[in-house]
Each structure stands twice: as structure tokens, then as C-alpha cells.
């Protein structure tokens, strides 16, 4: 069953700058997909178009459509999308620094109703590091703890599809590995679909099975994730050299 379908998506910023050009791909129920490519390739724009955040960045969908669970959600307001089952973890974490960890989790569960307590218990099981920090202001957490909180806050909505924009950015390899283990677990055990924008090929291999390579707003190659990132010409031309690429093999075994 197809959970998300992006069909011929074309996006411009300011009415002139073409950022995404006729991008199409699908994610099956419980699937896991990476969008790979150099900075400026259009990866984050695709996420914004799906999650309803595009207009806050001055962008607009020019053509194409996005379907979720066989419903057309093109241009739908982001709050409505959360209630439908789509949650996003933004680049840079974007937690509420002045609120406590517990308050951040509560804010993420505003659509979960009676499931809130159950979801919080599950989040703290996934990220036990957060439990002793529940009454601590989120801005005082380490970078790794903040990313765990950002993911946990998104999971409090009980999503069927989780969008993640650069979840490994600025984090130590051990933290990235731990986050990768959790994301793989919720995909495998909870059936939460994943759509991940990621520069770390190690993490992409560890948590997704299919990948699409973007260049200047277009999908130029699609393949199983491990196959795509193992292509030396792809890495040299589009992905560049980043810290942790030597973990690709380890990620493939994770």
C-alpha cells in the first residue's frame, strides 16, 4: 500500500527561483526513504512541500501534487497534516528552549488526546536519557539530547510518517548511531514510515532502504540506499566527503 506519493512536484521561491523540478517518488506503508544530494539540491524544499511549511519560507507549489493515504494533501495546512499522521523534525532541532523537556513533549502531543501518556512512556523508553531531564529547560540539554527531544516531540503526535531534515547534523558519531538505532526501531517495530534528508551516508544506509539522489531540484538517480551510496561516482560528484563516511559499512550492518 502506498502511504505517500509525490507526483511531478515543482516548487518556486518568490515566484521565480526554481527549487524543485518535477520530482516524483513513493513511500509504501512502513517504508523508509532517503533524499540525498549536495547542499541546495532541493531536498529540504521537498520536505517543506509535503509538510505544509513551504509558504513560511516564501515558496509555493507551481505544479504537481502530494497524496497521503490516497488523499490529496497538496498545500494543506501543517496543523491539519499533523492530525492526519505526518510529523516533521526540522533541521537544527527547533525545540522550545525555555520550556522543560516534559513541556516540549506535551506540546508535541496536542493531537494525541488520550494516547498522550502511552506515547510519552514509549518516547522515554526509546530515549531513556530524557527521563531524568524532564524538569530541565530544554535549552540546557546537550546537542544530542536536544535532537532526541526533537524526535520524541514529533513522535508524541503518533505519526504514520516521520519527516527528518538532517537529523545527524552537528552530532558526535556515537549519538548519531544511537539515534539511528531508534529510528530503525520505530520503522521496523512501530511501522512508522521515514522520509529522511541526510548528508551522512552512514545514517542513510542504517535507517532507509530506498534513496533518491537530487541534483539542482531533479531526481537524477534512484536505487536501494546501500547501492546508491556505495557508488563512488555518486559520492564524489554529489555527496562530497563528510565526517563519518567511513561508517557506511558499519551502518549497512546495523
C-alpha atoms as a PDB file:
ATOM      1  CA  UNK A   1       0.000   0.000   0.000  1.00  0.00           C
ATOM      2  CA  UNK A   2       1.332   3.442  -0.916  1.00  0.00           C
ATOM      3  CA  UNK A   3       1.457   5.791   2.074  1.00  0.00           C
ATOM      4  CA  UNK A   4       2.923   8.891   0.398  1.00  0.00           C
ATOM      5  CA  UNK A   5       3.018   9.735  -3.287  1.00  0.00           C
ATOM      6  CA  UNK A   6       4.820  12.799  -4.650  1.00  0.00           C
ATOM      7  CA  UNK A   7       3.830  13.347  -8.278  1.00  0.00           C
ATOM      8  CA  UNK A   8       5.600  15.799 -10.581  1.00  0.00           C
ATOM      9  CA  UNK A   9       6.281  18.270  -7.778  1.00  0.00           C
ATOM     10  CA  UNK A  10       7.603  21.642  -8.965  1.00  0.00           C
ATOM     11  CA  UNK A  11       8.345  24.422  -6.469  1.00  0.00           C
ATOM     12  CA  UNK A  12       9.477  28.011  -6.865  1.00  0.00           C
ATOM     13  CA  UNK A  13      10.584  30.601  -4.311  1.00  0.00           C
ATOM     14  CA  UNK A  14       9.480  34.166  -4.796  1.00  0.00           C
ATOM     15  CA  UNK A  15       7.681  33.170  -7.961  1.00  0.00           C
ATOM     16  CA  UNK A  16      10.928  32.970  -9.915  1.00  0.00           C
ATOM     17  CA  UNK A  17      13.578  30.713  -8.355  1.00  0.00           C
ATOM     18  CA  UNK A  18      13.037  27.109  -9.435  1.00  0.00           C
ATOM     19  CA  UNK A  19      13.978  24.917  -6.470  1.00  0.00           C
ATOM     20  CA  UNK A  20      12.303  21.583  -7.278  1.00  0.00           C
ATOM     21  CA  UNK A  21      11.549  20.427 -10.794  1.00  0.00           C
ATOM     22  CA  UNK A  22       9.062  17.608 -11.486  1.00  0.00           C
ATOM     23  CA  UNK A  23      10.108  15.391  -8.549  1.00  0.00           C
ATOM     24  CA  UNK A  24       8.225  12.119  -8.160  1.00  0.00           C
ATOM     25  CA  UNK A  25       8.604   9.238  -5.714  1.00  0.00           C
ATOM     26  CA  UNK A  26       6.517   6.979  -3.465  1.00  0.00           C
ATOM     27  CA  UNK A  27       6.812   5.637   0.060  1.00  0.00           C
ATOM     28  CA  UNK A  28       4.980   2.469   0.953  1.00  0.00           C
ATOM     29  CA  UNK A  29       3.239   1.877   4.277  1.00  0.00           C
ATOM     30  CA  UNK A  30       6.059   1.499   6.803  1.00  0.00           C
ATOM     31  CA  UNK A  31       8.668   2.306   4.143  1.00  0.00           C
ATOM     32  CA  UNK A  32      11.906   4.207   4.602  1.00  0.00           C
ATOM     33  CA  UNK A  33      13.368   6.584   2.018  1.00  0.00           C
ATOM     34  CA  UNK A  34      16.339   8.966   1.918  1.00  0.00           C
ATOM     35  CA  UNK A  35      16.695  12.082  -0.193  1.00  0.00           C
ATOM     36  CA  UNK A  36      20.387  12.571  -0.911  1.00  0.00           C
ATOM     37  CA  UNK A  37      22.324  15.272  -2.690  1.00  0.00           C
ATOM     38  CA  UNK A  38      24.546  18.285  -2.266  1.00  0.00           C
ATOM     39  CA  UNK A  39      23.505  21.424  -0.418  1.00  0.00           C
ATOM     40  CA  UNK A  40      20.988  23.373  -2.488  1.00  0.00           C
ATOM     41  CA  UNK A  41      19.774  20.315  -4.391  1.00  0.00           C
ATOM     42  CA  UNK A  42      16.178  20.854  -3.233  1.00  0.00           C
ATOM     43  CA  UNK A  43      15.923  18.186  -0.556  1.00  0.00           C
ATOM     44  CA  UNK A  44      14.604  20.366   2.267  1.00  0.00           C
ATOM     45  CA  UNK A  45      12.211  22.070  -0.141  1.00  0.00           C
ATOM     46  CA  UNK A  46      10.618  18.700  -0.895  1.00  0.00           C
ATOM     47  CA  UNK A  47      10.062  18.136   2.834  1.00  0.00           C
ATOM     48  CA  UNK A  48       8.560  21.612   3.226  1.00  0.00           C
ATOM     49  CA  UNK A  49       6.188  20.993   0.338  1.00  0.00           C
ATOM     50  CA  UNK A  50       5.000  17.759   1.933  1.00  0.00           C
ATOM     51  CA  UNK A  51       4.694  19.101   5.490  1.00  0.00           C
ATOM     52  CA  UNK A  52       2.913  22.354   4.634  1.00  0.00           C
ATOM     53  CA  UNK A  53       5.771  24.599   5.748  1.00  0.00           C
ATOM     54  CA  UNK A  54       6.721  25.846   2.286  1.00  0.00           C
ATOM     55  CA  UNK A  55       4.746  29.083   2.468  1.00  0.00           C
ATOM     56  CA  UNK A  56       6.623  30.136   5.603  1.00  0.00           C
ATOM     57  CA  UNK A  57       9.807  30.155   3.524  1.00  0.00           C
ATOM     58  CA  UNK A  58       8.386  32.158   0.627  1.00  0.00           C
ATOM     59  CA  UNK A  59       7.860  29.132  -1.583  1.00  0.00           C
ATOM     60  CA  UNK A  60       4.869  27.790  -3.483  1.00  0.00           C
ATOM     61  CA  UNK A  61       3.966  24.622  -5.346  1.00  0.00           C
ATOM     62  CA  UNK A  62       3.722  25.515  -9.024  1.00  0.00           C
ATOM     63  CA  UNK A  63       2.571  22.121 -10.265  1.00  0.00           C
ATOM     64  CA  UNK A  64       2.276  18.504  -9.222  1.00  0.00           C
ATOM     65  CA  UNK A  65       0.606  17.080  -6.181  1.00  0.00           C
ATOM     66  CA  UNK A  66       1.226  15.249  -2.925  1.00  0.00           C
ATOM     67  CA  UNK A  67      -1.002  12.391  -1.811  1.00  0.00           C
ATOM     68  CA  UNK A  68      -1.034  10.813   1.657  1.00  0.00           C
ATOM     69  CA  UNK A  69      -3.038   7.683   2.353  1.00  0.00           C
ATOM     70  CA  UNK A  70      -4.718   8.233  -1.025  1.00  0.00           C
ATOM     71  CA  UNK A  71      -5.873  11.765  -0.124  1.00  0.00           C
ATOM     72  CA  UNK A  72      -4.651  14.849  -1.955  1.00  0.00           C
ATOM     73  CA  UNK A  73      -2.840  16.962   0.665  1.00  0.00           C
ATOM     74  CA  UNK A  74      -1.163  19.415  -1.722  1.00  0.00           C
ATOM     75  CA  UNK A  75      -0.890  22.741   0.065  1.00  0.00           C
ATOM     76  CA  UNK A  76      -2.715  21.517   3.163  1.00  0.00           C
ATOM     77  CA  UNK A  77      -2.062  23.455   6.383  1.00  0.00           C
ATOM     78  CA  UNK A  78       0.684  21.908   8.511  1.00  0.00           C
ATOM     79  CA  UNK A  79      -1.515  21.592  11.628  1.00  0.00           C
ATOM     80  CA  UNK A  80      -4.031  19.555   9.652  1.00  0.00           C
ATOM     81  CA  UNK A  81      -1.250  17.313   8.354  1.00  0.00           C
ATOM     82  CA  UNK A  82      -0.102  16.520  11.898  1.00  0.00           C
ATOM     83  CA  UNK A  83      -3.618  15.336  12.745  1.00  0.00           C
ATOM     84  CA  UNK A  84      -3.587  13.192   9.595  1.00  0.00           C
ATOM     85  CA  UNK A  85      -0.377  11.462  10.670  1.00  0.00           C
ATOM     86  CA  UNK A  86       2.596  13.444   9.278  1.00  0.00           C
ATOM     87  CA  UNK A  87       5.175  14.903  11.657  1.00  0.00           C
ATOM     88  CA  UNK A  88       8.472  16.615  10.874  1.00  0.00           C
ATOM     89  CA  UNK A  89      11.731  17.015  12.777  1.00  0.00           C
ATOM     90  CA  UNK A  90      13.205  20.246  11.478  1.00  0.00           C
ATOM     91  CA  UNK A  91      16.853  20.886  10.731  1.00  0.00           C
ATOM     92  CA  UNK A  92      18.540  22.438  13.748  1.00  0.00           C
ATOM     93  CA  UNK A  93      16.147  20.715  16.211  1.00  0.00           C
ATOM     94  CA  UNK A  94      13.944  23.812  16.862  1.00  0.00           C
ATOM     95  CA  UNK A  95      12.955  22.733  20.350  1.00  0.00           C
ATOM     96  CA  UNK A  96      11.350  25.206  22.755  1.00  0.00           C
ATOM     97  CA  UNK A  97      14.423  26.112  24.763  1.00  0.00           C
ATOM     98  CA  UNK A  98      12.611  27.948  27.566  1.00  0.00           C
ATOM     99  CA  UNK A  99      10.207  25.073  28.172  1.00  0.00           C
ATOM    100  CA  UNK A 100      11.115  21.953  30.102  1.00  0.00           C
ATOM    101  CA  UNK A 101      11.616  18.607  28.416  1.00  0.00           C
ATOM    102  CA  UNK A 102       8.221  17.480  29.730  1.00  0.00           C
ATOM    103  CA  UNK A 103       6.538  20.600  28.372  1.00  0.00           C
ATOM    104  CA  UNK A 104       8.132  20.093  24.952  1.00  0.00           C
ATOM    105  CA  UNK A 105       6.784  16.547  24.857  1.00  0.00           C
ATOM    106  CA  UNK A 106       3.354  17.747  25.935  1.00  0.00           C
ATOM    107  CA  UNK A 107       3.369  20.336  23.146  1.00  0.00           C
ATOM    108  CA  UNK A 108       4.141  17.625  20.608  1.00  0.00           C
ATOM    109  CA  UNK A 109       1.190  15.565  21.764  1.00  0.00           C
ATOM    110  CA  UNK A 110      -1.502  18.186  21.297  1.00  0.00           C
ATOM    111  CA  UNK A 111      -3.337  15.967  18.789  1.00  0.00           C
ATOM    112  CA  UNK A 112      -2.796  12.656  20.591  1.00  0.00           C
ATOM    113  CA  UNK A 113      -5.634  13.001  23.135  1.00  0.00           C
ATOM    114  CA  UNK A 114      -5.961  10.023  25.455  1.00  0.00           C
ATOM    115  CA  UNK A 115      -2.933   8.357  23.873  1.00  0.00           C
ATOM    116  CA  UNK A 116      -0.650  11.057  25.281  1.00  0.00           C
ATOM    117  CA  UNK A 117       0.503   9.143  28.356  1.00  0.00           C
ATOM    118  CA  UNK A 118       1.094   5.975  26.354  1.00  0.00           C
ATOM    119  CA  UNK A 119       3.071   7.849  23.710  1.00  0.00           C
ATOM    120  CA  UNK A 120       5.178   9.640  26.318  1.00  0.00           C
ATOM    121  CA  UNK A 121       6.009   6.335  28.000  1.00  0.00           C
ATOM    122  CA  UNK A 122       7.121   4.966  24.639  1.00  0.00           C
ATOM    123  CA  UNK A 123       9.239   8.038  23.858  1.00  0.00           C
ATOM    124  CA  UNK A 124      11.015   7.755  27.220  1.00  0.00           C
ATOM    125  CA  UNK A 125      11.598   4.065  26.566  1.00  0.00           C
ATOM    126  CA  UNK A 126      13.188   4.945  23.228  1.00  0.00           C
ATOM    127  CA  UNK A 127      15.233   7.791  24.742  1.00  0.00           C
ATOM    128  CA  UNK A 128      15.817   6.925  28.436  1.00  0.00           C
ATOM    129  CA  UNK A 129      18.359   9.773  28.644  1.00  0.00           C
ATOM    130  CA  UNK A 130      15.435  12.201  28.654  1.00  0.00           C
ATOM    131  CA  UNK A 131      13.602  10.830  31.690  1.00  0.00           C
ATOM    132  CA  UNK A 132      15.897  12.271  34.389  1.00  0.00           C
ATOM    133  CA  UNK A 133      15.847  15.586  32.490  1.00  0.00           C
ATOM    134  CA  UNK A 134      12.064  16.016  32.318  1.00  0.00           C
ATOM    135  CA  UNK A 135      12.046  19.078  34.574  1.00  0.00           C
ATOM    136  CA  UNK A 136      15.118  20.675  32.958  1.00  0.00           C
ATOM    137  CA  UNK A 137      14.792  23.545  30.475  1.00  0.00           C
ATOM    138  CA  UNK A 138      15.319  22.058  27.015  1.00  0.00           C
ATOM    139  CA  UNK A 139      17.828  24.779  26.120  1.00  0.00           C
ATOM    140  CA  UNK A 140      20.212  23.377  28.735  1.00  0.00           C
ATOM    141  CA  UNK A 141      20.386  19.928  27.136  1.00  0.00           C
ATOM    142  CA  UNK A 142      23.355  18.755  25.111  1.00  0.00           C
ATOM    143  CA  UNK A 143      23.048  18.784  21.332  1.00  0.00           C
ATOM    144  CA  UNK A 144      22.410  15.055  21.257  1.00  0.00           C
ATOM    145  CA  UNK A 145      19.748  15.267  23.942  1.00  0.00           C
ATOM    146  CA  UNK A 146      18.064  18.120  22.085  1.00  0.00           C
ATOM    147  CA  UNK A 147      17.884  16.025  18.923  1.00  0.00           C
ATOM    148  CA  UNK A 148      16.430  13.140  20.886  1.00  0.00           C
ATOM    149  CA  UNK A 149      13.850  15.545  22.318  1.00  0.00           C
ATOM    150  CA  UNK A 150      13.018  16.915  18.866  1.00  0.00           C
ATOM    151  CA  UNK A 151      12.391  13.385  17.586  1.00  0.00           C
ATOM    152  CA  UNK A 152      10.486  12.456  20.734  1.00  0.00           C
ATOM    153  CA  UNK A 153       8.306  15.551  20.442  1.00  0.00           C
ATOM    154  CA  UNK A 154       7.403  14.567  16.856  1.00  0.00           C
ATOM    155  CA  UNK A 155       6.616  11.007  17.952  1.00  0.00           C
ATOM    156  CA  UNK A 156       4.208  12.367  20.570  1.00  0.00           C
ATOM    157  CA  UNK A 157       1.833  13.107  17.681  1.00  0.00           C
ATOM    158  CA  UNK A 158       1.654   9.397  16.892  1.00  0.00           C
ATOM    159  CA  UNK A 159       2.681   9.834  13.237  1.00  0.00           C
ATOM    160  CA  UNK A 160       2.395   7.294  10.465  1.00  0.00           C
ATOM    161  CA  UNK A 161       5.080   9.177   8.519  1.00  0.00           C
ATOM    162  CA  UNK A 162       8.045  10.960  10.096  1.00  0.00           C
ATOM    163  CA  UNK A 163       9.983  13.539   8.067  1.00  0.00           C
ATOM    164  CA  UNK A 164      13.523  14.265   9.264  1.00  0.00           C
ATOM    165  CA  UNK A 165      15.749  17.058   7.977  1.00  0.00           C
ATOM    166  CA  UNK A 166      19.457  16.403   8.671  1.00  0.00           C
ATOM    167  CA  UNK A 167      18.964  14.515  11.970  1.00  0.00           C
ATOM    168  CA  UNK A 168      22.734  13.858  12.336  1.00  0.00           C
ATOM    169  CA  UNK A 169      23.815  17.478  11.841  1.00  0.00           C
ATOM    170  CA  UNK A 170      26.456  18.562  14.360  1.00  0.00           C
ATOM    171  CA  UNK A 171      26.265  15.398  16.451  1.00  0.00           C
ATOM    172  CA  UNK A 172      29.011  13.043  17.607  1.00  0.00           C
ATOM    173  CA  UNK A 173      29.183   9.651  15.836  1.00  0.00           C
ATOM    174  CA  UNK A 174      28.069   7.711  18.938  1.00  0.00           C
ATOM    175  CA  UNK A 175      24.986   9.909  19.290  1.00  0.00           C
ATOM    176  CA  UNK A 176      24.213   9.521  15.582  1.00  0.00           C
ATOM    177  CA  UNK A 177      24.456   5.764  15.942  1.00  0.00           C
ATOM    178  CA  UNK A 178      22.055   5.786  18.902  1.00  0.00           C
ATOM    179  CA  UNK A 179      19.542   7.959  17.056  1.00  0.00           C
ATOM    180  CA  UNK A 180      19.859   5.698  14.036  1.00  0.00           C
ATOM    181  CA  UNK A 181      19.052   2.665  16.175  1.00  0.00           C
ATOM    182  CA  UNK A 182      15.896   4.344  17.487  1.00  0.00           C
ATOM    183  CA  UNK A 183      14.726   5.439  14.033  1.00  0.00           C
ATOM    184  CA  UNK A 184      15.312   1.943  12.648  1.00  0.00           C
ATOM    185  CA  UNK A 185      13.361   0.516  15.574  1.00  0.00           C
ATOM    186  CA  UNK A 186      10.287   2.731  15.172  1.00  0.00           C
ATOM    187  CA  UNK A 187      10.264   1.958  11.457  1.00  0.00           C
ATOM    188  CA  UNK A 188      10.661  -1.772  11.968  1.00  0.00           C
ATOM    189  CA  UNK A 189       8.594  -2.340  15.116  1.00  0.00           C
ATOM    190  CA  UNK A 190       6.076   0.517  15.098  1.00  0.00           C
ATOM    191  CA  UNK A 191       5.576   0.719  11.331  1.00  0.00           C
ATOM    192  CA  UNK A 192       6.304   4.455  11.188  1.00  0.00           C
ATOM    193  CA  UNK A 193       7.351   5.456   7.673  1.00  0.00           C
ATOM    194  CA  UNK A 194      10.527   7.531   7.332  1.00  0.00           C
ATOM    195  CA  UNK A 195      11.468  10.205   4.813  1.00  0.00           C
ATOM    196  CA  UNK A 196      14.956  11.449   5.617  1.00  0.00           C
ATOM    197  CA  UNK A 197      17.063  14.272   4.215  1.00  0.00           C
ATOM    198  CA  UNK A 198      20.586  13.410   5.249  1.00  0.00           C
ATOM    199  CA  UNK A 199      24.189  14.219   4.388  1.00  0.00           C
ATOM    200  CA  UNK A 200      25.529  11.292   6.432  1.00  0.00           C
ATOM    201  CA  UNK A 201      25.566   8.296   4.141  1.00  0.00           C
ATOM    202  CA  UNK A 202      26.170   6.082   7.176  1.00  0.00           C
ATOM    203  CA  UNK A 203      22.890   7.076   8.774  1.00  0.00           C
ATOM    204  CA  UNK A 204      21.017   6.921   5.476  1.00  0.00           C
ATOM    205  CA  UNK A 205      22.133   3.321   4.950  1.00  0.00           C
ATOM    206  CA  UNK A 206      21.336   2.381   8.545  1.00  0.00           C
ATOM    207  CA  UNK A 207      17.724   3.596   8.557  1.00  0.00           C
ATOM    208  CA  UNK A 208      16.402   3.610   4.971  1.00  0.00           C
ATOM    209  CA  UNK A 209      16.044   1.027   2.242  1.00  0.00           C
ATOM    210  CA  UNK A 210      15.480   3.260  -0.788  1.00  0.00           C
ATOM    211  CA  UNK A 211      17.164   6.516  -1.820  1.00  0.00           C
ATOM    212  CA  UNK A 212      16.698   9.214  -4.433  1.00  0.00           C
ATOM    213  CA  UNK A 213      19.570  11.439  -5.493  1.00  0.00           C
ATOM    214  CA  UNK A 214      18.670  15.066  -6.241  1.00  0.00           C
ATOM    215  CA  UNK A 215      20.683  17.482  -8.343  1.00  0.00           C
ATOM    216  CA  UNK A 216      19.509  21.063  -8.950  1.00  0.00           C
ATOM    217  CA  UNK A 217      15.967  20.154  -7.971  1.00  0.00           C
ATOM    218  CA  UNK A 218      15.579  16.984 -10.038  1.00  0.00           C
ATOM    219  CA  UNK A 219      15.795  13.306  -9.182  1.00  0.00           C
ATOM    220  CA  UNK A 220      18.741  12.045 -11.205  1.00  0.00           C
ATOM    221  CA  UNK A 221      19.084   8.547  -9.767  1.00  0.00           C
ATOM    222  CA  UNK A 222      17.071   6.156  -7.601  1.00  0.00           C
ATOM    223  CA  UNK A 223      18.243   2.886  -6.087  1.00  0.00           C
ATOM    224  CA  UNK A 224      18.383   0.917  -2.854  1.00  0.00           C
ATOM    225  CA  UNK A 225      20.162   3.150  -0.348  1.00  0.00           C
ATOM    226  CA  UNK A 226      23.208   0.941   0.195  1.00  0.00           C
ATOM    227  CA  UNK A 227      23.683   0.566  -3.556  1.00  0.00           C
ATOM    228  CA  UNK A 228      23.381   4.286  -4.220  1.00  0.00           C
ATOM    229  CA  UNK A 229      25.815   5.436  -1.545  1.00  0.00           C
ATOM    230  CA  UNK A 230      28.319   2.730  -2.483  1.00  0.00           C
ATOM    231  CA  UNK A 231      28.623   4.225  -5.977  1.00  0.00           C
ATOM    232  CA  UNK A 232      31.966   6.056  -5.896  1.00  0.00           C
ATOM    233  CA  UNK A 233      30.973   8.420  -8.690  1.00  0.00           C
ATOM    234  CA  UNK A 234      27.804   9.381  -6.842  1.00  0.00           C
ATOM    235  CA  UNK A 235      29.696  10.116  -3.639  1.00  0.00           C
ATOM    236  CA  UNK A 236      32.353  12.146  -5.409  1.00  0.00           C
ATOM    237  CA  UNK A 237      30.000  14.129  -7.607  1.00  0.00           C
ATOM    238  CA  UNK A 238      27.010  14.740  -5.386  1.00  0.00           C
ATOM    239  CA  UNK A 239      27.528  13.751  -1.772  1.00  0.00           C
ATOM    240  CA  UNK A 240      31.039  15.046  -1.197  1.00  0.00           C
ATOM    241  CA  UNK A 241      33.251  13.934   1.655  1.00  0.00           C
ATOM    242  CA  UNK A 242      31.748  14.283   5.118  1.00  0.00           C
ATOM    243  CA  UNK A 243      32.691  13.101   8.567  1.00  0.00           C
ATOM    244  CA  UNK A 244      31.555   9.571   9.200  1.00  0.00           C
ATOM    245  CA  UNK A 245      31.501   8.249   5.655  1.00  0.00           C
ATOM    246  CA  UNK A 246      33.843   5.531   6.825  1.00  0.00           C
ATOM    247  CA  UNK A 247      30.912   4.267   8.900  1.00  0.00           C
ATOM    248  CA  UNK A 248      28.897   3.315   5.809  1.00  0.00           C
ATOM    249  CA  UNK A 249      29.822  -0.341   6.107  1.00  0.00           C
ATOM    250  CA  UNK A 250      29.022  -0.313   9.825  1.00  0.00           C
ATOM    251  CA  UNK A 251      25.702   1.357   9.112  1.00  0.00           C
ATOM    252  CA  UNK A 252      24.845  -1.239   6.495  1.00  0.00           C
ATOM    253  CA  UNK A 253      25.303  -3.935   9.164  1.00  0.00           C
ATOM    254  CA  UNK A 254      23.251  -2.073  11.777  1.00  0.00           C
END
